[in-house]
Amino acid sequence: MNKELIIRSDSETVDFALLKDGRLIELHQEREESGDDTFQVGDIFIAKIRKPVPGLNAAFVHVGFEKDAFLHYHDLGPNLRTLLKFTKLVSGGKTKDYSLNNLPFEEEIDKDGAITDVLSANQSLLVQIVKEPISTKGPRISSELSIAGRYVVLVPFSNRISISQKIESKEEKDRLKKILQAIKPKGFGVIVRTVAEGMQVADIERDLDNLMAKWNNMCKKLATAHHPSKVLGEVNKASSILRDVFNDTFTGIITDDEDMYYQTKDYLQEIAPSKVSIVKHYQSREVPIFEKYSIERQIKTSFGKTVSMSKGAYLIIEHTEALHVIDVNSGNRSNKSQSQEDTALEVNLIAAAEIARQLRLRDMGGIIVVDFIDMGNPENRKTLYDFLKEEMSDDKAKHKILPPSKFGLIQITRQRVRPEMSIETREEDPNEHGEIEAPILVIDKIKADLESIITRDRAQKIILHAHPFVAAYLTQGFPSIRSKWSWEFKKWITVVPRDAYTYLEYHFLNNNGKEISE
């Protein structure tokens, strides 16, 4: 398996495309902005309580966004009183000891208490972004702080050591717990990440030291920081992605930006020195980097309302205010299987793999309802359910999948912490007012229709009539697209240019000049 991270940079944005065997599975974008008016999950702010709301058992908090952030009582953390005391001491310049060694911990707050018992208006508080501003809503925040590293997550005002549940070996869990008990500073809890499995003490200690340095630098800012303002920003997006998803299966990290190239090499030197050589600087001026790796085409084919899959099957993705609905369609698929039930299972499994990819690619969150093709056999429904769970096992977002109903519906809840990735794939119609599907998709549609026709009747002659531009695109070059089709389908397709056709118009005709229905 090849896993590559392709990074494209221009004057305003940096785009990150994660490819698995050449197939786009994640797409992230970072705007080239800085300052306190930007919000990213993990950022820590010194904020002002605007007002507690007893009815919601929450408070609205001013963090510098046009809409106040939302802080629920359950997101305060048990040691809120200690955090408040520490923040007041450091902000007022009364202490420069940022370790928590000598700080007596206050009594924990009641887990079922009221917001008005612990917070009041105009109070200063350290908070962390857990959900970015989405639509008209402000950020969701927590005062239970954490600073993420490569191998561990540092949790101030805690003494707990937690080990990732994905580490299955009890011996390894015990080993890691003993290491952290010996090296973690007093007053700080630690969450051990999955990638720490098998790592040496020196690697983990170095990561912990880096996190403590970040904590100390953040605390130094508090004495002079404006309230509200950002006091600790997440690392740049490239480092953040590498920190969270990088592993030994990565085969390439390619960027077209020289500064990003050196930044990425430096970061990889810290977390995986043996992999530094996979970082490459793409310098071609003839072909843009996203074109070179076929990412632009995949974006066009993946973000529309209709998503094509293999064998003519397709998805329809609809969005409402409260949920997303995905409909699975078999299209004009020929039934080669023994029964309709077998065909339904085959299409549903193809759809499940694509749906898992779409959820990550678009970063869809909330409630997702998938209408799979009905299957009467309970074993087939279980096969589909297990397959979907396996396909989504690499998804970093928290999610839950309910078993399919007998009507073929599967409900998924997926955590959303940032705005959904939405890319407009329709373009202006060159012939009339309005919009059309992206022209780049027409070749894919022609091929899908051609495959359906050949599957139904391989013997008949097939003549494709298309606009001269499309006809030329299909027939010119070596090997041409038409030549590739002839090798794949073992059939020669005659292509006839038609001046009277619009750009995206095409028709299949047989030897008698009659149109063949797709």
Protein backbone atom coordinates (compact mmCIF):
# COMPACT_ATOMS: atom_id res chain seq x y z
CA MET A 1 0.00 0.00 0.00
CA ASN A 2 1.32 3.43 -0.99
CA LYS A 3 0.33 6.38 1.18
CA GLU A 4 1.31 9.87 0.02
CA LEU A 5 0.72 13.41 1.25
CA ILE A 6 0.65 15.97 -1.57
CA ILE A 7 0.93 19.62 -0.49
CA ARG A 8 0.04 22.50 -2.84
CA SER A 9 0.80 26.06 -1.79
CA ASP A 10 -0.15 29.43 -3.28
CA SER A 11 -0.28 32.98 -1.95
CA GLU A 12 -3.50 32.51 0.03
CA THR A 13 -4.04 28.83 0.82
CA VAL A 14 -2.22 25.57 1.38
CA ASP A 15 -4.03 22.40 0.25
CA PHE A 16 -3.20 18.96 1.66
CA ALA A 17 -4.28 15.82 -0.20
CA LEU A 18 -3.83 12.40 1.40
CA LEU A 19 -3.63 9.62 -1.17
CA LYS A 20 -3.91 5.89 -0.57
CA ASP A 21 -2.70 3.90 -3.58
CA GLY A 22 -3.24 7.03 -5.67
CA ARG A 23 -6.83 7.47 -4.48
CA LEU A 24 -7.80 10.68 -2.69
CA ILE A 25 -9.07 9.90 0.83
CA GLU A 26 -8.62 13.19 2.71
CA LEU A 27 -8.46 16.83 1.66
CA HIS A 28 -7.57 19.70 4.01
CA GLN A 29 -7.15 23.40 3.41
CA GLU A 30 -5.33 26.01 5.47
CA ARG A 31 -5.62 29.73 4.75
CA GLU A 32 -2.39 31.68 4.95
CA GLU A 33 -3.54 33.84 7.84
CA SER A 34 -2.22 34.47 11.29
CA GLY A 35 -3.42 36.21 14.40
CA ASP A 36 -6.10 35.83 17.01
CA ASP A 37 -9.01 35.93 14.54
CA THR A 38 -8.31 32.42 13.25
CA PHE A 39 -9.56 29.31 14.99
CA GLN A 40 -8.22 25.81 14.78
CA VAL A 41 -9.04 22.79 16.91
CA GLY A 42 -6.42 22.64 19.67
CA ASP A 43 -5.78 26.39 19.94
CA ILE A 44 -5.76 27.76 23.51
CA PHE A 45 -7.13 31.24 24.33
CA ILE A 46 -7.24 33.45 27.38
CA ALA A 47 -10.91 34.37 27.25
CA LYS A 48 -13.56 36.36 29.10
CA ILE A 49 -16.79 34.88 30.43
CA ARG A 50 -19.61 36.87 28.82
CA LYS A 51 -22.45 35.41 30.83
CA PRO A 52 -23.42 32.10 32.45
CA VAL A 53 -26.81 30.76 31.31
CA PRO A 54 -28.39 28.60 34.08
CA GLY A 55 -31.07 27.20 31.75
CA LEU A 56 -28.39 25.66 29.51
CA ASN A 57 -25.97 25.00 32.38
CA ALA A 58 -23.39 26.64 30.16
CA ALA A 59 -21.66 29.95 29.58
CA PHE A 60 -21.12 32.11 26.53
CA VAL A 61 -17.47 33.11 26.32
CA HIS A 62 -15.78 35.91 24.36
CA VAL A 63 -12.77 34.48 22.50
CA GLY A 64 -12.48 37.09 19.76
CA PHE A 65 -14.90 35.55 17.26
CA GLU A 66 -17.99 37.48 16.11
CA LYS A 67 -20.14 34.86 17.83
CA ASP A 68 -19.44 33.95 21.44
CA ALA A 69 -18.03 30.50 22.10
CA PHE A 70 -20.11 27.92 23.95
CA LEU A 71 -18.79 26.33 27.15
CA HIS A 72 -20.93 23.63 28.78
CA TYR A 73 -20.55 22.70 32.45
CA HIS A 74 -19.47 19.17 31.52
CA ASP A 75 -16.55 20.66 29.54
CA LEU A 76 -15.14 22.57 32.48
CA GLY A 77 -12.95 19.77 33.82
CA PRO A 78 -12.91 18.61 37.46
CA ASN A 79 -10.02 20.90 38.48
CA LEU A 80 -11.56 24.14 37.23
CA ARG A 81 -10.96 25.93 40.56
CA THR A 82 -7.24 25.11 40.39
CA LEU A 83 -7.09 26.34 36.77
CA LEU A 84 -8.81 29.61 37.72
CA LYS A 85 -6.41 30.18 40.63
CA PHE A 86 -3.34 29.43 38.47
CA THR A 87 -4.58 31.72 35.65
CA LYS A 88 -5.13 34.58 38.10
CA LEU A 89 -1.68 34.18 39.65
CA VAL A 90 0.16 34.03 36.32
CA SER A 91 -1.88 36.75 34.57
CA GLY A 92 -1.37 39.08 37.53
CA GLY A 93 2.39 38.47 37.53
CA LYS A 94 2.28 37.02 41.07
CA THR A 95 4.16 33.87 40.06
CA LYS A 96 6.64 32.84 37.38
CA ASP A 97 6.66 29.22 38.45
CA TYR A 98 4.78 27.55 35.62
CA SER A 99 5.30 24.04 36.87
CA LEU A 100 2.50 22.71 39.03
CA ASN A 101 4.85 21.12 41.57
CA ASN A 102 4.17 23.59 44.34
CA LEU A 103 0.61 24.55 43.46
CA PRO A 104 -1.91 23.16 45.97
CA PHE A 105 -4.90 21.74 44.07
CA GLU A 106 -8.31 23.12 45.00
CA GLU A 107 -11.34 20.93 45.65
CA GLU A 108 -12.78 19.40 42.46
CA ILE A 109 -16.07 20.80 41.23
CA ASP A 110 -19.27 18.77 41.58
CA LYS A 111 -19.75 16.74 38.38
CA ASP A 112 -23.51 17.48 38.51
CA GLY A 113 -23.19 21.09 39.65
CA ALA A 114 -24.48 24.36 38.20
CA ILE A 115 -22.52 26.76 35.99
CA THR A 116 -23.41 29.73 38.20
CA ASP A 117 -21.72 28.06 41.18
CA VAL A 118 -18.28 28.16 39.56
CA LEU A 119 -18.24 30.90 36.89
CA SER A 120 -19.31 34.53 36.79
CA ALA A 121 -19.42 37.28 34.17
CA ASN A 122 -16.14 39.02 33.21
CA GLN A 123 -14.02 36.23 34.70
CA SER A 124 -10.83 35.35 32.77
CA LEU A 125 -10.37 31.70 31.85
CA LEU A 126 -8.03 29.56 29.76
CA VAL A 127 -10.06 27.64 27.17
CA GLN A 128 -9.32 25.38 24.22
CA ILE A 129 -11.10 25.11 20.86
CA VAL A 130 -12.71 21.68 20.48
CA LYS A 131 -14.99 22.57 17.56
CA GLU A 132 -14.32 25.32 15.02
CA PRO A 133 -16.94 27.95 14.13
CA ILE A 134 -19.45 26.33 11.77
CA SER A 135 -22.03 28.32 9.81
CA THR A 136 -23.48 30.94 12.19
CA LYS A 137 -22.36 29.15 15.36
CA GLY A 138 -19.39 30.21 17.42
CA PRO A 139 -16.60 27.84 18.48
CA ARG A 140 -17.24 25.03 20.98
CA ILE A 141 -14.67 25.21 23.79
CA SER A 142 -13.44 23.36 26.85
CA SER A 143 -11.45 24.47 29.88
CA GLU A 144 -10.03 20.95 30.25
CA LEU A 145 -6.80 21.71 28.41
CA SER A 146 -4.57 19.29 26.50
CA ILE A 147 -1.44 19.77 24.37
CA ALA A 148 -0.90 17.08 21.74
CA GLY A 149 2.50 15.70 20.82
CA ARG A 150 3.64 12.85 18.61
CA TYR A 151 3.60 10.12 21.27
CA VAL A 152 1.75 11.66 24.22
CA VAL A 153 -0.84 14.30 25.03
CA LEU A 154 -0.08 16.53 28.04
CA VAL A 155 -3.07 17.28 30.30
CA PRO A 156 -2.42 20.09 32.86
CA PHE A 157 -4.15 19.97 36.27
CA SER A 158 -4.45 16.19 36.28
CA ASN A 159 -2.41 13.24 37.53
CA ARG A 160 -4.01 10.54 35.43
CA ILE A 161 -2.13 8.33 32.94
CA SER A 162 -4.29 6.93 30.11
CA ILE A 163 -3.13 4.49 27.45
CA SER A 164 -4.65 4.30 23.96
CA GLN A 165 -7.20 1.50 23.72
CA LYS A 166 -5.78 0.58 20.31
CA ILE A 167 -2.67 -0.74 22.06
CA GLU A 168 -3.84 -4.29 22.77
CA SER A 169 -0.83 -5.84 24.51
CA LYS A 170 -1.17 -5.74 28.31
CA GLU A 171 2.62 -6.00 28.67
CA GLU A 172 3.13 -2.98 26.42
CA LYS A 173 0.48 -1.00 28.29
CA ASP A 174 2.18 -1.79 31.59
CA ARG A 175 5.59 -0.84 30.16
CA LEU A 176 4.34 2.52 28.89
CA LYS A 177 2.54 3.26 32.16
CA LYS A 178 5.72 2.61 34.17
CA ILE A 179 7.72 4.88 31.86
CA LEU A 180 5.24 7.75 32.24
CA GLN A 181 4.96 7.31 35.99
CA ALA A 182 8.72 7.82 36.17
CA ILE A 183 9.08 10.83 33.85
CA LYS A 184 5.84 12.83 33.88
CA PRO A 185 5.89 16.09 35.88
CA LYS A 186 3.73 16.45 38.97
CA GLY A 187 0.34 18.07 38.36
CA PHE A 188 0.19 16.95 34.74
CA GLY A 189 -1.71 13.99 33.36
CA VAL A 190 -0.67 12.16 30.18
CA ILE A 191 -2.55 10.36 27.43
CA VAL A 192 -0.32 7.88 25.59
CA ARG A 193 -1.07 7.75 21.86
CA THR A 194 -1.14 4.60 19.72
CA VAL A 195 2.09 5.49 17.88
CA ALA A 196 4.00 5.30 21.21
CA GLU A 197 3.75 1.51 21.04
CA GLY A 198 7.26 0.05 21.01
CA MET A 199 9.00 3.43 21.35
CA GLN A 200 12.03 3.93 23.55
CA VAL A 201 12.05 5.95 26.79
CA ALA A 202 14.25 8.64 25.21
CA ASP A 203 11.74 9.23 22.36
CA ILE A 204 8.80 9.59 24.72
CA GLU A 205 10.74 11.79 27.15
CA ARG A 206 11.86 14.10 24.33
CA ASP A 207 8.24 14.46 23.20
CA LEU A 208 7.16 15.22 26.77
CA ASP A 209 9.91 17.84 27.14
CA ASN A 210 8.74 19.57 23.94
CA LEU A 211 5.19 19.72 25.30
CA MET A 212 6.37 21.16 28.61
CA ALA A 213 8.33 23.82 26.69
CA LYS A 214 5.11 24.75 24.86
CA TRP A 215 3.27 24.99 28.19
CA ASN A 216 5.95 27.26 29.67
CA ASN A 217 5.99 29.52 26.61
CA MET A 218 2.22 29.81 26.75
CA CYS A 219 2.29 30.75 30.44
CA LYS A 220 4.89 33.45 29.78
CA LYS A 221 2.44 35.16 27.40
CA LEU A 222 -0.34 35.34 30.00
CA ALA A 223 1.13 38.25 31.99
CA THR A 224 0.91 40.62 29.01
CA ALA A 225 -1.82 38.98 26.91
CA HIS A 226 -4.93 40.89 25.94
CA HIS A 227 -8.17 39.22 27.09
CA PRO A 228 -9.33 37.59 24.82
CA SER A 229 -6.40 36.46 22.68
CA LYS A 230 -4.72 33.28 21.44
CA VAL A 231 -1.87 32.17 23.73
CA LEU A 232 -1.05 28.80 22.17
CA GLY A 233 -1.62 27.97 18.51
CA GLU A 234 -1.66 24.53 16.96
CA VAL A 235 1.36 23.63 14.85
CA ASN A 236 1.09 24.36 11.13
CA LYS A 237 -1.28 22.13 9.20
CA ALA A 238 1.42 19.99 7.60
CA SER A 239 2.95 19.16 10.98
CA SER A 240 -0.52 18.62 12.51
CA ILE A 241 -1.49 16.14 9.78
CA LEU A 242 1.84 14.33 10.00
CA ARG A 243 1.61 14.17 13.79
CA ASP A 244 -1.84 12.60 13.65
CA VAL A 245 -1.71 10.30 10.61
CA PHE A 246 1.95 9.66 9.78
CA ASN A 247 3.24 6.10 10.16
CA ASP A 248 5.67 3.71 8.50
CA THR A 249 3.28 3.06 5.60
CA PHE A 250 3.90 6.55 4.16
CA THR A 251 5.90 6.33 0.94
CA GLY A 252 6.02 9.97 -0.10
CA ILE A 253 5.45 13.57 1.01
CA ILE A 254 5.61 15.91 -1.98
CA THR A 255 5.22 19.69 -1.90
CA ASP A 256 5.59 22.43 -4.52
CA ASP A 257 6.65 25.02 -1.91
CA GLU A 258 10.32 25.30 -0.92
CA ASP A 259 9.65 26.64 2.60
CA MET A 260 7.10 23.88 3.24
CA TYR A 261 9.63 21.34 1.95
CA TYR A 262 12.22 22.36 4.55
CA GLN A 263 9.62 22.69 7.35
CA THR A 264 8.34 19.20 6.64
CA LYS A 265 11.85 17.73 6.52
CA ASP A 266 12.71 19.38 9.85
CA TYR A 267 9.53 18.06 11.49
CA LEU A 268 10.07 14.57 10.12
CA GLN A 269 13.64 14.68 11.38
CA GLU A 270 12.14 15.02 14.88
CA ILE A 271 9.46 12.33 14.70
CA ALA A 272 10.86 9.81 12.17
CA PRO A 273 14.44 10.50 11.06
CA SER A 274 14.59 7.34 8.94
CA LYS A 275 11.76 8.68 6.74
CA VAL A 276 13.21 12.11 5.90
CA SER A 277 14.20 10.89 2.43
CA ILE A 278 10.55 10.48 1.37
CA VAL A 279 10.05 14.28 1.42
CA LYS A 280 10.37 15.65 -2.12
CA HIS A 281 10.25 19.15 -3.60
CA TYR A 282 8.10 19.20 -6.75
CA GLN A 283 9.59 21.83 -9.09
CA SER A 284 7.92 21.30 -12.47
CA ARG A 285 6.43 24.50 -13.90
CA GLU A 286 4.71 22.74 -16.77
CA VAL A 287 2.26 20.55 -14.86
CA PRO A 288 0.78 21.76 -11.51
CA ILE A 289 1.29 19.31 -8.64
CA PHE A 290 -2.42 18.48 -8.21
CA GLU A 291 -2.69 17.77 -11.95
CA LYS A 292 0.41 15.56 -11.84
CA TYR A 293 -1.11 13.31 -9.18
CA SER A 294 -4.66 13.37 -10.71
CA ILE A 295 -6.01 15.09 -7.58
CA GLU A 296 -7.86 17.82 -9.48
CA ARG A 297 -9.79 15.20 -11.46
CA GLN A 298 -10.63 13.26 -8.30
CA ILE A 299 -11.90 16.44 -6.61
CA LYS A 300 -14.20 17.13 -9.57
CA THR A 301 -15.57 13.57 -9.51
CA SER A 302 -15.92 13.30 -5.72
CA PHE A 303 -17.64 16.46 -4.48
CA GLY A 304 -20.79 16.68 -6.56
CA LYS A 305 -24.30 15.61 -5.59
CA THR A 306 -23.83 12.44 -7.67
CA VAL A 307 -20.76 10.27 -7.07
CA SER A 308 -20.02 7.60 -9.66
CA MET A 309 -18.62 4.22 -8.62
CA SER A 310 -17.48 1.20 -10.59
CA LYS A 311 -19.78 -0.92 -12.75
CA GLY A 312 -22.26 1.94 -13.28
CA ALA A 313 -23.35 2.18 -9.63
CA TYR A 314 -23.55 5.64 -8.05
CA LEU A 315 -24.38 7.55 -4.86
CA ILE A 316 -26.73 10.50 -4.42
CA ILE A 317 -25.65 12.69 -1.47
CA GLU A 318 -28.20 15.16 -0.09
CA HIS A 319 -27.67 17.61 2.77
CA THR A 320 -30.32 19.00 5.11
CA GLU A 321 -29.97 21.25 8.15
CA ALA A 322 -30.06 18.33 10.57
CA LEU A 323 -28.58 15.39 8.68
CA HIS A 324 -27.05 13.96 5.52
CA VAL A 325 -28.82 11.38 3.38
CA ILE A 326 -26.93 9.04 1.03
CA ASP A 327 -28.83 6.92 -1.49
CA VAL A 328 -27.15 3.90 -3.09
CA ASN A 329 -28.12 3.14 -6.69
CA SER A 330 -27.10 0.19 -8.85
CA GLY A 331 -27.55 2.23 -12.06
CA ASN A 332 -27.70 0.27 -15.30
CA ARG A 333 -25.65 -2.51 -13.82
CA SER A 334 -26.03 -5.87 -15.53
CA ASN A 335 -26.85 -8.75 -13.25
CA LYS A 336 -24.01 -11.23 -13.70
CA SER A 337 -24.51 -12.67 -10.23
CA GLN A 338 -26.68 -15.64 -9.45
CA SER A 339 -29.51 -13.61 -7.97
CA GLN A 340 -30.78 -10.12 -7.28
CA GLU A 341 -29.68 -10.57 -3.65
CA ASP A 342 -26.08 -11.24 -4.75
CA THR A 343 -26.13 -8.17 -6.99
CA ALA A 344 -27.48 -6.03 -4.13
CA LEU A 345 -24.72 -7.23 -1.81
CA GLU A 346 -22.04 -6.60 -4.42
CA VAL A 347 -23.22 -3.03 -5.09
CA ASN A 348 -23.69 -2.34 -1.37
CA LEU A 349 -20.11 -3.39 -0.57
CA ILE A 350 -18.75 -1.14 -3.34
CA ALA A 351 -20.91 1.68 -1.96
CA ALA A 352 -19.80 1.09 1.64
CA ALA A 353 -16.14 1.56 0.69
CA GLU A 354 -16.96 4.77 -1.20
CA ILE A 355 -19.15 6.11 1.62
CA ALA A 356 -16.34 5.61 4.16
CA ARG A 357 -14.07 7.56 1.80
CA GLN A 358 -16.65 10.31 1.23
CA LEU A 359 -17.20 10.89 4.97
CA ARG A 360 -13.48 11.49 5.47
CA LEU A 361 -13.01 13.43 2.25
CA ARG A 362 -15.86 15.87 2.89
CA ASP A 363 -15.45 15.66 6.68
CA MET A 364 -19.20 15.12 7.00
CA GLY A 365 -20.49 15.17 10.55
CA GLY A 366 -23.65 14.81 12.59
CA ILE A 367 -26.22 12.21 11.57
CA ILE A 368 -25.74 10.37 8.26
CA VAL A 369 -28.51 8.07 7.00
CA VAL A 370 -27.52 5.66 4.22
CA ASP A 371 -30.20 3.98 2.12
CA PHE A 372 -28.50 0.83 0.86
CA ILE A 373 -30.17 -1.50 -1.63
CA ASP A 374 -32.60 -3.79 0.22
CA MET A 375 -31.31 -7.26 1.10
CA GLY A 376 -33.54 -9.97 2.54
CA ASN A 377 -30.77 -12.23 3.86
CA PRO A 378 -29.73 -11.31 7.45
CA GLU A 379 -26.25 -12.74 6.81
CA ASN A 380 -25.76 -10.34 3.92
CA ARG A 381 -26.86 -7.41 6.09
CA LYS A 382 -24.31 -8.47 8.73
CA THR A 383 -21.60 -8.80 6.05
CA LEU A 384 -22.34 -5.25 4.89
CA TYR A 385 -22.35 -3.89 8.46
CA ASP A 386 -19.02 -5.54 9.33
CA PHE A 387 -17.46 -4.37 6.07
CA LEU A 388 -18.55 -0.76 6.63
CA LYS A 389 -17.12 -0.82 10.17
CA GLU A 390 -13.81 -2.13 8.83
CA GLU A 391 -13.69 0.51 6.08
CA MET A 392 -14.26 3.26 8.66
CA SER A 393 -11.77 1.89 11.17
CA ASP A 394 -9.05 4.28 9.90
CA ASP A 395 -11.31 7.30 10.35
CA LYS A 396 -9.83 9.50 13.10
CA ALA A 397 -13.16 11.22 13.81
CA LYS A 398 -15.26 9.65 16.54
CA HIS A 399 -18.15 7.77 14.98
CA LYS A 400 -20.80 5.17 15.70
CA ILE A 401 -22.53 2.89 13.20
CA LEU A 402 -25.89 1.27 13.90
CA PRO A 403 -26.75 -2.12 12.33
CA PRO A 404 -28.87 -2.01 9.15
CA SER A 405 -32.65 -2.09 9.44
CA LYS A 406 -34.59 -4.56 7.34
CA PHE A 407 -35.35 -1.67 4.98
CA GLY A 408 -31.63 -1.33 4.22
CA LEU A 409 -31.05 1.87 6.24
CA ILE A 410 -27.82 2.33 8.21
CA GLN A 411 -27.47 5.28 10.58
CA ILE A 412 -24.05 6.77 11.32
CA THR A 413 -23.10 9.50 13.77
CA ARG A 414 -19.76 11.17 13.11
CA GLN A 415 -18.05 13.89 15.08
CA ARG A 416 -17.55 17.15 13.25
CA VAL A 417 -15.05 19.62 14.73
CA ARG A 418 -14.55 21.90 11.72
CA PRO A 419 -16.69 23.11 8.79
CA GLU A 420 -17.49 20.45 6.20
CA MET A 421 -15.25 20.48 3.13
CA SER A 422 -17.48 21.70 0.30
CA ILE A 423 -16.21 22.24 -3.24
CA GLU A 424 -18.44 23.47 -6.06
CA THR A 425 -18.02 21.11 -9.01
CA ARG A 426 -20.62 22.57 -11.38
CA GLU A 427 -19.50 25.15 -13.96
CA GLU A 428 -21.09 27.86 -16.07
CA ASP A 429 -22.81 26.55 -19.20
CA PRO A 430 -20.91 27.97 -22.22
CA ASN A 431 -24.02 27.69 -24.44
CA GLU A 432 -26.80 28.94 -22.21
CA HIS A 433 -27.39 30.65 -18.89
CA GLY A 434 -27.14 28.27 -15.95
CA GLU A 435 -24.77 25.58 -14.80
CA ILE A 436 -23.60 22.18 -16.02
CA GLU A 437 -21.56 19.35 -14.55
CA ALA A 438 -17.81 19.85 -14.86
CA PRO A 439 -16.74 18.93 -18.45
CA ILE A 440 -13.92 16.79 -17.05
CA LEU A 441 -16.61 14.33 -15.94
CA VAL A 442 -17.97 13.69 -19.43
CA ILE A 443 -15.22 11.17 -20.32
CA ASP A 444 -15.98 9.20 -17.15
CA LYS A 445 -19.70 9.20 -17.98
CA ILE A 446 -19.08 8.09 -21.56
CA LYS A 447 -16.92 5.21 -20.34
CA ALA A 448 -19.52 4.12 -17.74
CA ASP A 449 -22.28 4.14 -20.38
CA LEU A 450 -20.05 2.28 -22.83
CA GLU A 451 -19.30 -0.42 -20.27
CA SER A 452 -23.02 -0.86 -19.60
CA ILE A 453 -23.79 -1.23 -23.33
CA ILE A 454 -20.98 -3.74 -23.95
CA THR A 455 -22.03 -5.78 -20.91
CA ARG A 456 -25.56 -6.10 -22.32
CA ASP A 457 -24.57 -6.94 -25.90
CA ARG A 458 -20.92 -7.44 -26.79
CA ALA A 459 -21.69 -8.47 -30.39
CA GLN A 460 -23.21 -5.23 -31.66
CA LYS A 461 -21.11 -2.56 -33.35
CA ILE A 462 -20.85 0.69 -31.37
CA ILE A 463 -20.43 4.15 -32.90
CA LEU A 464 -19.95 7.14 -30.61
CA HIS A 465 -21.11 10.54 -31.86
CA ALA A 466 -19.67 13.47 -29.87
CA HIS A 467 -18.70 17.15 -30.14
CA PRO A 468 -15.50 17.57 -32.24
CA PHE A 469 -13.46 18.67 -29.18
CA VAL A 470 -14.50 15.56 -27.24
CA ALA A 471 -13.97 13.31 -30.28
CA ALA A 472 -10.46 14.69 -30.75
CA TYR A 473 -9.67 14.24 -27.06
CA LEU A 474 -10.71 10.58 -27.28
CA THR A 475 -8.81 9.71 -30.45
CA GLN A 476 -5.59 11.73 -30.46
CA GLY A 477 -2.27 10.82 -28.83
CA PHE A 478 -0.68 7.45 -28.22
CA PRO A 479 -2.09 5.54 -26.63
CA SER A 480 -5.37 7.38 -27.10
CA ILE A 481 -8.29 6.96 -24.71
CA ARG A 482 -10.12 5.03 -27.44
CA SER A 483 -7.15 2.65 -27.77
CA LYS A 484 -7.19 2.04 -24.01
CA TRP A 485 -10.92 1.27 -24.21
CA SER A 486 -10.31 -1.25 -27.00
CA TRP A 487 -7.70 -3.05 -24.87
CA GLU A 488 -9.94 -3.01 -21.80
CA PHE A 489 -13.20 -4.02 -23.49
CA LYS A 490 -11.70 -6.06 -26.36
CA LYS A 491 -13.83 -4.02 -28.77
CA TRP A 492 -13.10 -1.18 -31.21
CA ILE A 493 -15.26 1.93 -30.82
CA THR A 494 -15.83 4.16 -33.86
CA VAL A 495 -15.83 7.86 -32.88
CA VAL A 496 -17.61 10.35 -35.14
CA PRO A 497 -17.24 14.15 -34.56
CA ARG A 498 -20.54 16.07 -34.81
CA ASP A 499 -20.41 19.84 -35.32
CA ALA A 500 -24.06 20.26 -34.36
CA TYR A 501 -23.60 18.84 -30.86
CA THR A 502 -23.16 20.90 -27.71
CA TYR A 503 -19.91 20.38 -25.78
CA LEU A 504 -21.22 17.68 -23.45
CA GLU A 505 -23.67 15.99 -25.81
CA TYR A 506 -22.94 12.46 -27.01
CA HIS A 507 -24.92 9.47 -28.33
CA PHE A 508 -24.16 5.80 -29.03
CA LEU A 509 -25.45 4.37 -32.33
CA ASN A 510 -25.42 0.84 -33.71
CA ASN A 511 -24.55 -0.29 -37.26
CA ASN A 512 -28.06 0.58 -38.45
CA GLY A 513 -27.79 4.16 -37.24
CA LYS A 514 -30.22 3.62 -34.39
CA GLU A 515 -29.42 5.09 -31.00
CA ILE A 516 -28.39 2.59 -28.33
CA SER A 517 -29.96 3.22 -24.95
CA GLU A 518 -27.49 3.24 -22.05
